[in-house]
Amino acid sequence: MRKNQYKDREAMKRRRFLILGSVLGLSPYMQAKEVSNFEKRFKKVAPTLSAVQEHLFPEGSKIPSAKSMNVTQFLFDTMMHKSFDKDVKAFVLEGAQELEKREKGRFISMTDQEKEKALRAYEETHYGRNWLSRIMTLTMEGLFSDPIYGSNIQEAGWQAISSYGGFPRPTTRYMEL
C-alpha cells in the first residue's frame, strides 16, 4: 500500500509540474494577444488621437507641430512598452472613442473651429477634461523628450523653448525592466 501512495504522490507532482510548465510556456503568447488587441484598438482611434494632438499643437506656432514631431507614433510606441500603465492605456483609447461617439464619427473631418467647439464641450465634462489633460501631457512628453524616443525630431522642441534634455542622455530607447 505504501508503494502505491508514493507512486500516486509522484504522479501528482508530475501533473502539477506539467500544468505549471504549460501555463508558463503559454504566457508570452497570451501577452502577445493582449498587445495585438491593443494595436487593433489603437489603430481604430489613431486618426482621432492624431487630430486632437494636431489641434492642440498646430503647424505655424512657436512650438513644433504635433504632426511634424510624429507624436501619434511616439504615443503608440510609448503605450506599447510593457511598463506603460494599463489603466492609462485604456483611458486614452476609451476617451478617443468617446469623443468620436459624441461627435457622431465626424471629429477628424471637422474644421478647426468645429474641432475647437467640440473639444471645449468635451472639456466641460469631468471625463473629457481629464482625458484632454492626459493627451496634452503625453503629447508634450513626445515634443520635449529625447529624440531617441522618436519624437522631438532634430531637437526642435528643445530649440523652440531654448532648453535641452538632461544629461546623461539615454543611449537606448527604453530600458528593460
N, C-alpha and C. Protein backbone atom coordinates (compact mmCIF):
# COMPACT_ATOMS: atom_id res chain seq x y z
N MET A 1 0.81 -1.19 0.00
CA MET A 1 0.00 0.00 0.00
C MET A 1 0.86 1.26 0.00
N ARG A 2 1.94 1.28 0.75
CA ARG A 2 2.83 2.43 0.80
C ARG A 2 3.43 2.73 -0.57
N LYS A 3 3.75 1.69 -1.30
CA LYS A 3 4.34 1.88 -2.61
C LYS A 3 3.36 2.61 -3.56
N ASN A 4 2.10 2.23 -3.49
CA ASN A 4 1.08 2.87 -4.34
C ASN A 4 0.89 4.33 -3.94
N GLN A 5 0.90 4.62 -2.63
CA GLN A 5 0.76 6.01 -2.18
C GLN A 5 1.93 6.86 -2.70
N TYR A 6 3.13 6.31 -2.65
CA TYR A 6 4.30 7.02 -3.14
C TYR A 6 4.16 7.30 -4.64
N LYS A 7 3.73 6.30 -5.42
CA LYS A 7 3.55 6.46 -6.86
C LYS A 7 2.50 7.52 -7.16
N ASP A 8 1.38 7.48 -6.41
CA ASP A 8 0.32 8.47 -6.61
C ASP A 8 0.82 9.88 -6.32
N ARG A 9 1.57 10.03 -5.24
CA ARG A 9 2.11 11.35 -4.88
C ARG A 9 3.06 11.85 -5.96
N GLU A 10 3.91 10.99 -6.46
CA GLU A 10 4.84 11.37 -7.52
C GLU A 10 4.11 11.72 -8.82
N ALA A 11 3.06 10.98 -9.11
CA ALA A 11 2.27 11.27 -10.31
C ALA A 11 1.61 12.65 -10.18
N MET A 12 1.11 12.98 -8.99
CA MET A 12 0.51 14.30 -8.77
C MET A 12 1.54 15.40 -8.95
N LYS A 13 2.75 15.19 -8.44
CA LYS A 13 3.82 16.19 -8.59
C LYS A 13 4.14 16.41 -10.06
N ARG A 14 4.20 15.31 -10.83
CA ARG A 14 4.49 15.42 -12.26
C ARG A 14 3.38 16.19 -12.97
N ARG A 15 2.10 15.88 -12.64
CA ARG A 15 0.98 16.58 -13.25
C ARG A 15 1.04 18.07 -12.96
N ARG A 16 1.29 18.42 -11.70
CA ARG A 16 1.39 19.84 -11.33
C ARG A 16 2.51 20.52 -12.10
N PHE A 17 3.65 19.82 -12.18
CA PHE A 17 4.79 20.36 -12.90
C PHE A 17 4.43 20.59 -14.37
N LEU A 18 3.78 19.63 -15.00
CA LEU A 18 3.41 19.74 -16.41
C LEU A 18 2.38 20.86 -16.63
N ILE A 19 1.41 20.97 -15.73
CA ILE A 19 0.41 22.03 -15.85
C ILE A 19 1.06 23.39 -15.70
N LEU A 20 1.87 23.55 -14.66
CA LEU A 20 2.55 24.82 -14.43
C LEU A 20 3.46 25.17 -15.60
N GLY A 21 4.19 24.17 -16.10
CA GLY A 21 5.06 24.40 -17.25
C GLY A 21 4.29 24.83 -18.48
N SER A 22 3.12 24.23 -18.68
CA SER A 22 2.29 24.61 -19.82
C SER A 22 1.79 26.04 -19.71
N VAL A 23 1.32 26.40 -18.51
CA VAL A 23 0.82 27.75 -18.31
C VAL A 23 1.93 28.76 -18.50
N LEU A 24 3.08 28.51 -17.90
CA LEU A 24 4.19 29.44 -18.04
C LEU A 24 4.69 29.50 -19.48
N GLY A 25 4.64 28.39 -20.17
CA GLY A 25 5.08 28.36 -21.56
C GLY A 25 4.15 29.14 -22.48
N LEU A 26 2.88 29.21 -22.12
CA LEU A 26 1.91 29.93 -22.94
C LEU A 26 1.83 31.42 -22.61
N SER A 27 2.36 31.82 -21.46
CA SER A 27 2.19 33.21 -21.03
C SER A 27 2.71 34.24 -22.05
N PRO A 28 3.83 34.02 -22.73
CA PRO A 28 4.23 35.02 -23.73
C PRO A 28 3.21 35.15 -24.86
N TYR A 29 2.55 34.05 -25.21
CA TYR A 29 1.56 34.10 -26.27
C TYR A 29 0.30 34.82 -25.82
N MET A 30 -0.06 34.65 -24.54
CA MET A 30 -1.22 35.37 -24.02
C MET A 30 -0.93 36.86 -23.98
N GLN A 31 0.29 37.25 -23.61
CA GLN A 31 0.65 38.66 -23.60
C GLN A 31 0.68 39.20 -25.03
N ALA A 32 1.16 38.41 -25.98
CA ALA A 32 1.19 38.85 -27.38
C ALA A 32 -0.23 39.10 -27.88
N LYS A 33 -1.20 38.30 -27.42
CA LYS A 33 -2.59 38.53 -27.82
C LYS A 33 -3.07 39.88 -27.29
N GLU A 34 -2.70 40.19 -26.04
CA GLU A 34 -3.09 41.48 -25.45
C GLU A 34 -2.51 42.62 -26.27
N VAL A 35 -1.25 42.51 -26.66
CA VAL A 35 -0.62 43.57 -27.45
C VAL A 35 -1.33 43.71 -28.78
N SER A 36 -1.65 42.58 -29.39
CA SER A 36 -2.31 42.63 -30.68
C SER A 36 -3.69 43.30 -30.55
N ASN A 37 -4.42 43.02 -29.48
CA ASN A 37 -5.70 43.70 -29.26
C ASN A 37 -5.49 45.19 -29.07
N PHE A 38 -4.46 45.56 -28.33
CA PHE A 38 -4.16 46.97 -28.14
C PHE A 38 -3.85 47.63 -29.48
N GLU A 39 -3.02 46.97 -30.28
CA GLU A 39 -2.66 47.53 -31.58
C GLU A 39 -3.90 47.77 -32.43
N LYS A 40 -4.82 46.80 -32.45
CA LYS A 40 -6.04 46.95 -33.24
C LYS A 40 -6.87 48.13 -32.73
N ARG A 41 -7.02 48.22 -31.43
CA ARG A 41 -7.81 49.30 -30.84
C ARG A 41 -7.15 50.66 -31.09
N PHE A 42 -5.82 50.69 -30.97
CA PHE A 42 -5.11 51.95 -31.19
C PHE A 42 -5.28 52.42 -32.63
N LYS A 43 -5.14 51.50 -33.57
CA LYS A 43 -5.26 51.87 -34.98
C LYS A 43 -6.63 52.44 -35.31
N LYS A 44 -7.67 51.94 -34.62
CA LYS A 44 -9.02 52.46 -34.85
C LYS A 44 -9.15 53.92 -34.39
N VAL A 45 -8.50 54.26 -33.29
CA VAL A 45 -8.65 55.61 -32.74
C VAL A 45 -7.49 56.53 -33.11
N ALA A 46 -6.46 56.01 -33.75
CA ALA A 46 -5.28 56.82 -34.10
C ALA A 46 -5.63 58.08 -34.89
N PRO A 47 -6.53 58.01 -35.86
CA PRO A 47 -6.86 59.26 -36.57
C PRO A 47 -7.46 60.33 -35.64
N THR A 48 -8.28 59.90 -34.70
CA THR A 48 -8.86 60.85 -33.74
C THR A 48 -7.78 61.40 -32.82
N LEU A 49 -6.95 60.53 -32.29
CA LEU A 49 -5.85 60.98 -31.43
C LEU A 49 -4.96 61.96 -32.17
N SER A 50 -4.63 61.63 -33.39
CA SER A 50 -3.78 62.49 -34.20
C SER A 50 -4.44 63.84 -34.44
N ALA A 51 -5.73 63.82 -34.75
CA ALA A 51 -6.45 65.08 -35.00
C ALA A 51 -6.48 65.95 -33.74
N VAL A 52 -6.65 65.33 -32.57
CA VAL A 52 -6.65 66.10 -31.32
C VAL A 52 -5.26 66.67 -31.07
N GLN A 53 -4.23 65.84 -31.21
CA GLN A 53 -2.86 66.31 -30.99
C GLN A 53 -2.51 67.45 -31.95
N GLU A 54 -2.91 67.30 -33.20
CA GLU A 54 -2.61 68.34 -34.19
C GLU A 54 -3.40 69.62 -33.93
N HIS A 55 -4.57 69.48 -33.34
CA HIS A 55 -5.35 70.67 -33.00
C HIS A 55 -4.71 71.38 -31.80
N LEU A 56 -4.22 70.61 -30.84
CA LEU A 56 -3.58 71.21 -29.66
C LEU A 56 -2.23 71.84 -29.99
N PHE A 57 -1.51 71.24 -30.93
CA PHE A 57 -0.19 71.73 -31.34
C PHE A 57 -0.17 71.85 -32.86
N PRO A 58 -0.80 72.91 -33.39
CA PRO A 58 -0.93 73.07 -34.84
C PRO A 58 0.36 73.56 -35.50
N GLU A 59 0.39 73.46 -36.80
CA GLU A 59 1.51 74.00 -37.57
C GLU A 59 1.47 75.52 -37.51
N GLY A 60 2.64 76.13 -37.54
CA GLY A 60 2.71 77.58 -37.60
C GLY A 60 2.84 78.29 -36.26
N SER A 61 2.97 77.54 -35.17
CA SER A 61 3.17 78.21 -33.88
C SER A 61 4.65 78.13 -33.51
N LYS A 62 5.02 78.74 -32.41
CA LYS A 62 6.42 78.74 -31.98
C LYS A 62 6.91 77.33 -31.66
N ILE A 63 6.03 76.54 -31.08
CA ILE A 63 6.38 75.15 -30.75
C ILE A 63 6.12 74.30 -31.99
N PRO A 64 6.99 73.34 -32.27
CA PRO A 64 6.77 72.48 -33.45
C PRO A 64 5.40 71.80 -33.38
N SER A 65 4.85 71.56 -34.53
CA SER A 65 3.52 70.94 -34.58
C SER A 65 3.58 69.47 -34.19
N ALA A 66 2.45 68.98 -33.73
CA ALA A 66 2.34 67.56 -33.38
C ALA A 66 2.62 66.70 -34.60
N LYS A 67 2.14 67.15 -35.74
CA LYS A 67 2.34 66.39 -36.98
C LYS A 67 3.82 66.29 -37.34
N SER A 68 4.53 67.41 -37.28
CA SER A 68 5.94 67.41 -37.67
C SER A 68 6.82 66.63 -36.69
N MET A 69 6.33 66.47 -35.48
CA MET A 69 7.12 65.77 -34.45
C MET A 69 6.73 64.31 -34.30
N ASN A 70 5.77 63.84 -35.13
CA ASN A 70 5.43 62.43 -35.14
C ASN A 70 4.93 61.94 -33.76
N VAL A 71 4.13 62.77 -33.08
CA VAL A 71 3.75 62.44 -31.71
C VAL A 71 2.74 61.31 -31.59
N THR A 72 1.94 61.07 -32.61
CA THR A 72 1.00 59.95 -32.52
C THR A 72 1.77 58.63 -32.53
N GLN A 73 2.79 58.54 -33.36
CA GLN A 73 3.63 57.33 -33.36
C GLN A 73 4.37 57.21 -32.03
N PHE A 74 4.86 58.34 -31.50
CA PHE A 74 5.50 58.35 -30.18
C PHE A 74 4.54 57.81 -29.13
N LEU A 75 3.30 58.27 -29.17
CA LEU A 75 2.29 57.82 -28.21
C LEU A 75 2.08 56.32 -28.32
N PHE A 76 1.96 55.82 -29.53
CA PHE A 76 1.79 54.37 -29.74
C PHE A 76 2.98 53.60 -29.19
N ASP A 77 4.19 54.01 -29.57
CA ASP A 77 5.39 53.31 -29.12
C ASP A 77 5.50 53.32 -27.59
N THR A 78 5.20 54.45 -26.99
CA THR A 78 5.28 54.58 -25.53
C THR A 78 4.25 53.68 -24.86
N MET A 79 3.04 53.70 -25.38
CA MET A 79 1.98 52.89 -24.78
C MET A 79 2.20 51.40 -25.02
N MET A 80 2.93 51.04 -26.05
CA MET A 80 3.22 49.63 -26.33
C MET A 80 4.22 49.03 -25.33
N HIS A 81 5.01 49.86 -24.70
CA HIS A 81 6.02 49.34 -23.79
C HIS A 81 5.35 48.65 -22.61
N LYS A 82 5.92 47.54 -22.20
CA LYS A 82 5.29 46.72 -21.15
C LYS A 82 5.18 47.44 -19.81
N SER A 83 5.96 48.49 -19.60
CA SER A 83 5.89 49.20 -18.33
C SER A 83 4.79 50.27 -18.31
N PHE A 84 4.17 50.53 -19.47
CA PHE A 84 3.15 51.58 -19.52
C PHE A 84 1.91 51.13 -18.77
N ASP A 85 1.37 52.00 -17.97
CA ASP A 85 0.20 51.71 -17.13
C ASP A 85 -1.01 51.29 -17.98
N LYS A 86 -1.54 50.11 -17.68
CA LYS A 86 -2.67 49.57 -18.46
C LYS A 86 -3.92 50.41 -18.31
N ASP A 87 -4.14 51.00 -17.14
CA ASP A 87 -5.32 51.83 -16.94
C ASP A 87 -5.24 53.11 -17.78
N VAL A 88 -4.06 53.69 -17.84
CA VAL A 88 -3.88 54.89 -18.67
C VAL A 88 -4.06 54.53 -20.14
N LYS A 89 -3.53 53.39 -20.53
CA LYS A 89 -3.68 52.91 -21.90
C LYS A 89 -5.16 52.81 -22.26
N ALA A 90 -5.93 52.17 -21.41
CA ALA A 90 -7.37 52.02 -21.66
C ALA A 90 -8.06 53.38 -21.68
N PHE A 91 -7.68 54.26 -20.77
CA PHE A 91 -8.28 55.59 -20.68
C PHE A 91 -8.05 56.39 -21.96
N VAL A 92 -6.85 56.34 -22.50
CA VAL A 92 -6.53 57.07 -23.73
C VAL A 92 -7.39 56.56 -24.89
N LEU A 93 -7.49 55.25 -25.02
CA LEU A 93 -8.27 54.68 -26.11
C LEU A 93 -9.77 54.95 -25.94
N GLU A 94 -10.26 54.74 -24.74
CA GLU A 94 -11.70 54.94 -24.49
C GLU A 94 -12.09 56.41 -24.62
N GLY A 95 -11.21 57.30 -24.21
CA GLY A 95 -11.50 58.73 -24.35
C GLY A 95 -11.62 59.15 -25.80
N ALA A 96 -10.77 58.60 -26.64
CA ALA A 96 -10.84 58.91 -28.08
C ALA A 96 -12.13 58.34 -28.68
N GLN A 97 -12.49 57.14 -28.26
CA GLN A 97 -13.74 56.54 -28.73
C GLN A 97 -14.94 57.37 -28.28
N GLU A 98 -14.89 57.85 -27.05
CA GLU A 98 -15.98 58.67 -26.52
C GLU A 98 -16.10 59.98 -27.30
N LEU A 99 -14.97 60.59 -27.61
CA LEU A 99 -15.01 61.83 -28.39
C LEU A 99 -15.65 61.58 -29.75
N GLU A 100 -15.25 60.52 -30.41
CA GLU A 100 -15.83 60.19 -31.72
C GLU A 100 -17.32 59.91 -31.60
N LYS A 101 -17.70 59.22 -30.55
CA LYS A 101 -19.12 58.92 -30.32
C LYS A 101 -19.91 60.21 -30.11
N ARG A 102 -19.37 61.11 -29.29
CA ARG A 102 -20.04 62.40 -29.03
C ARG A 102 -20.22 63.19 -30.32
N GLU A 103 -19.24 63.09 -31.20
CA GLU A 103 -19.27 63.87 -32.45
C GLU A 103 -19.77 63.05 -33.64
N LYS A 104 -20.40 61.92 -33.33
CA LYS A 104 -21.03 61.07 -34.36
C LYS A 104 -20.07 60.66 -35.48
N GLY A 105 -18.81 60.39 -35.10
CA GLY A 105 -17.81 59.90 -36.05
C GLY A 105 -17.27 60.95 -37.00
N ARG A 106 -17.54 62.22 -36.73
CA ARG A 106 -17.13 63.28 -37.65
C ARG A 106 -15.92 64.08 -37.18
N PHE A 107 -15.39 63.82 -36.00
CA PHE A 107 -14.37 64.71 -35.45
C PHE A 107 -13.21 64.95 -36.40
N ILE A 108 -12.68 63.92 -37.00
CA ILE A 108 -11.48 64.10 -37.84
C ILE A 108 -11.75 64.91 -39.10
N SER A 109 -13.00 64.97 -39.53
CA SER A 109 -13.31 65.73 -40.75
C SER A 109 -13.83 67.15 -40.46
N MET A 110 -13.88 67.51 -39.19
CA MET A 110 -14.38 68.84 -38.83
C MET A 110 -13.38 69.93 -39.17
N THR A 111 -13.87 71.15 -39.30
CA THR A 111 -12.99 72.31 -39.48
C THR A 111 -12.32 72.60 -38.14
N ASP A 112 -11.31 73.45 -38.15
CA ASP A 112 -10.62 73.82 -36.92
C ASP A 112 -11.59 74.43 -35.90
N GLN A 113 -12.48 75.27 -36.37
CA GLN A 113 -13.45 75.91 -35.47
C GLN A 113 -14.40 74.88 -34.86
N GLU A 114 -14.85 73.93 -35.66
CA GLU A 114 -15.73 72.88 -35.16
C GLU A 114 -15.01 72.00 -34.16
N LYS A 115 -13.74 71.68 -34.44
CA LYS A 115 -12.95 70.88 -33.50
C LYS A 115 -12.78 71.61 -32.18
N GLU A 116 -12.49 72.90 -32.27
CA GLU A 116 -12.34 73.70 -31.05
C GLU A 116 -13.62 73.66 -30.22
N LYS A 117 -14.73 73.83 -30.86
CA LYS A 117 -16.02 73.81 -30.17
C LYS A 117 -16.27 72.43 -29.54
N ALA A 118 -15.99 71.38 -30.31
CA ALA A 118 -16.20 70.01 -29.82
C ALA A 118 -15.29 69.71 -28.63
N LEU A 119 -14.03 70.12 -28.72
CA LEU A 119 -13.09 69.86 -27.62
C LEU A 119 -13.45 70.68 -26.38
N ARG A 120 -13.91 71.90 -26.58
CA ARG A 120 -14.35 72.73 -25.44
C ARG A 120 -15.56 72.09 -24.76
N ALA A 121 -16.48 71.56 -25.55
CA ALA A 121 -17.65 70.89 -24.97
C ALA A 121 -17.23 69.62 -24.23
N TYR A 122 -16.31 68.87 -24.81
CA TYR A 122 -15.80 67.65 -24.16
C TYR A 122 -15.07 68.01 -22.86
N GLU A 123 -14.36 69.12 -22.88
CA GLU A 123 -13.63 69.59 -21.72
C GLU A 123 -14.57 69.95 -20.56
N GLU A 124 -15.80 70.28 -20.88
CA GLU A 124 -16.79 70.63 -19.85
C GLU A 124 -17.22 69.42 -19.03
N THR A 125 -16.97 68.21 -19.54
CA THR A 125 -17.29 67.01 -18.77
C THR A 125 -16.07 66.64 -17.94
N HIS A 126 -16.30 66.02 -16.81
CA HIS A 126 -15.20 65.60 -15.95
C HIS A 126 -14.27 64.63 -16.69
N TYR A 127 -14.89 63.65 -17.34
CA TYR A 127 -14.12 62.64 -18.09
C TYR A 127 -13.31 63.29 -19.20
N GLY A 128 -13.97 64.14 -19.99
CA GLY A 128 -13.30 64.81 -21.11
C GLY A 128 -12.17 65.70 -20.66
N ARG A 129 -12.37 66.43 -19.58
CA ARG A 129 -11.31 67.31 -19.05
C ARG A 129 -10.08 66.49 -18.67
N ASN A 130 -10.30 65.37 -17.98
CA ASN A 130 -9.19 64.51 -17.59
C ASN A 130 -8.52 63.87 -18.79
N TRP A 131 -9.33 63.47 -19.77
CA TRP A 131 -8.77 62.85 -20.96
C TRP A 131 -7.92 63.85 -21.75
N LEU A 132 -8.44 65.05 -21.96
CA LEU A 132 -7.68 66.06 -22.70
C LEU A 132 -6.40 66.43 -21.97
N SER A 133 -6.45 66.49 -20.65
CA SER A 133 -5.25 66.76 -19.87
C SER A 133 -4.21 65.67 -20.08
N ARG A 134 -4.65 64.42 -20.10
CA ARG A 134 -3.73 63.29 -20.31
C ARG A 134 -3.14 63.33 -21.71
N ILE A 135 -3.97 63.64 -22.71
CA ILE A 135 -3.47 63.72 -24.09
C ILE A 135 -2.46 64.86 -24.22
N MET A 136 -2.74 65.98 -23.59
CA MET A 136 -1.82 67.12 -23.61
C MET A 136 -0.48 66.71 -22.99
N THR A 137 -0.53 66.05 -21.85
CA THR A 137 0.69 65.63 -21.16
C THR A 137 1.49 64.65 -22.01
N LEU A 138 0.83 63.64 -22.54
CA LEU A 138 1.53 62.65 -23.36
C LEU A 138 2.10 63.26 -24.64
N THR A 139 1.38 64.20 -25.21
CA THR A 139 1.86 64.87 -26.43
C THR A 139 3.09 65.72 -26.11
N MET A 140 3.04 66.43 -25.00
CA MET A 140 4.19 67.25 -24.61
C MET A 140 5.40 66.37 -24.27
N GLU A 141 5.16 65.19 -23.72
CA GLU A 141 6.27 64.27 -23.48
C GLU A 141 6.97 63.96 -24.80
N GLY A 142 6.19 63.74 -25.84
CA GLY A 142 6.78 63.48 -27.15
C GLY A 142 7.52 64.68 -27.69
N LEU A 143 6.92 65.84 -27.58
CA LEU A 143 7.53 67.06 -28.13
C LEU A 143 8.84 67.41 -27.45
N PHE A 144 8.96 67.09 -26.16
CA PHE A 144 10.13 67.53 -25.40
C PHE A 144 11.00 66.40 -24.87
N SER A 145 10.70 65.16 -25.27
CA SER A 145 11.54 64.04 -24.83
C SER A 145 12.82 64.00 -25.64
N ASP A 146 13.73 63.14 -25.24
CA ASP A 146 14.94 62.97 -26.01
C ASP A 146 14.58 62.41 -27.38
N PRO A 147 15.20 62.91 -28.45
CA PRO A 147 14.88 62.44 -29.80
C PRO A 147 15.05 60.93 -30.00
N ILE A 148 15.79 60.27 -29.13
CA ILE A 148 15.98 58.83 -29.28
C ILE A 148 14.65 58.08 -29.22
N TYR A 149 13.63 58.71 -28.60
CA TYR A 149 12.31 58.07 -28.46
C TYR A 149 11.42 58.26 -29.68
N GLY A 150 11.90 58.93 -30.70
CA GLY A 150 11.17 59.01 -31.96
C GLY A 150 10.40 60.29 -32.20
N SER A 151 10.42 61.20 -31.26
CA SER A 151 9.76 62.49 -31.45
C SER A 151 10.81 63.57 -31.16
N ASN A 152 10.39 64.82 -31.02
CA ASN A 152 11.35 65.92 -30.83
C ASN A 152 12.45 65.83 -31.90
N ILE A 153 12.01 65.71 -33.11
CA ILE A 153 12.91 65.48 -34.24
C ILE A 153 13.88 66.65 -34.39
N GLN A 154 15.14 66.29 -34.50
CA GLN A 154 16.26 67.23 -34.59
C GLN A 154 16.22 68.25 -33.44
N GLU A 155 15.72 67.79 -32.29
CA GLU A 155 15.68 68.60 -31.07
C GLU A 155 14.87 69.89 -31.24
N ALA A 156 13.94 69.89 -32.18
CA ALA A 156 13.17 71.10 -32.48
C ALA A 156 12.33 71.57 -31.30
N GLY A 157 11.81 70.64 -30.52
CA GLY A 157 11.03 71.02 -29.34
C GLY A 157 11.90 71.75 -28.33
N TRP A 158 13.07 71.24 -28.07
CA TRP A 158 14.00 71.88 -27.14
C TRP A 158 14.40 73.27 -27.65
N GLN A 159 14.69 73.34 -28.95
CA GLN A 159 15.11 74.62 -29.52
C GLN A 159 14.01 75.67 -29.42
N ALA A 160 12.77 75.25 -29.56
CA ALA A 160 11.65 76.19 -29.52
C ALA A 160 11.51 76.86 -28.16
N ILE A 161 11.91 76.16 -27.11
CA ILE A 161 11.78 76.74 -25.77
C ILE A 161 13.15 77.06 -25.15
N SER A 162 14.17 77.01 -25.98
CA SER A 162 15.55 77.30 -25.54
C SER A 162 15.94 76.50 -24.31
N SER A 163 15.70 75.20 -24.40
CA SER A 163 16.03 74.30 -23.30
C SER A 163 16.50 72.98 -23.89
N TYR A 164 17.18 72.21 -23.09
CA TYR A 164 17.68 70.92 -23.57
C TYR A 164 17.46 69.86 -22.50
N GLY A 165 17.39 68.62 -22.97
CA GLY A 165 17.16 67.49 -22.07
C GLY A 165 18.27 67.32 -21.07
N GLY A 166 18.03 66.43 -20.15
CA GLY A 166 19.00 66.17 -19.09
C GLY A 166 20.20 65.38 -19.57
N PHE A 167 21.19 65.36 -18.73
CA PHE A 167 22.40 64.59 -19.01
C PHE A 167 22.61 63.62 -17.87
N PRO A 168 23.11 62.45 -18.10
CA PRO A 168 23.49 61.92 -19.41
C PRO A 168 22.24 61.58 -20.22
N ARG A 169 22.37 61.71 -21.51
CA ARG A 169 21.26 61.39 -22.40
C ARG A 169 21.15 59.88 -22.55
N PRO A 170 19.95 59.40 -22.83
CA PRO A 170 19.77 57.95 -22.99
C PRO A 170 20.54 57.43 -24.21
N THR A 171 20.99 56.21 -24.10
CA THR A 171 21.73 55.58 -25.20
C THR A 171 20.88 54.48 -25.86
N THR A 172 19.81 54.07 -25.19
CA THR A 172 18.88 53.11 -25.76
C THR A 172 17.47 53.66 -25.61
N ARG A 173 16.60 53.18 -26.45
CA ARG A 173 15.24 53.74 -26.49
C ARG A 173 14.48 53.52 -25.20
N TYR A 174 14.39 52.31 -24.73
CA TYR A 174 13.68 52.02 -23.49
C TYR A 174 14.50 51.05 -22.67
N MET A 175 14.59 51.35 -21.40
CA MET A 175 15.32 50.47 -20.50
C MET A 175 14.46 49.25 -20.22
N GLU A 176 15.05 48.08 -20.26
CA GLU A 176 14.32 46.86 -19.94
C GLU A 176 14.22 46.73 -18.44
N LEU A 177 13.05 46.32 -17.98
CA LEU A 177 12.82 46.17 -16.54
C LEU A 177 13.07 44.76 -16.09
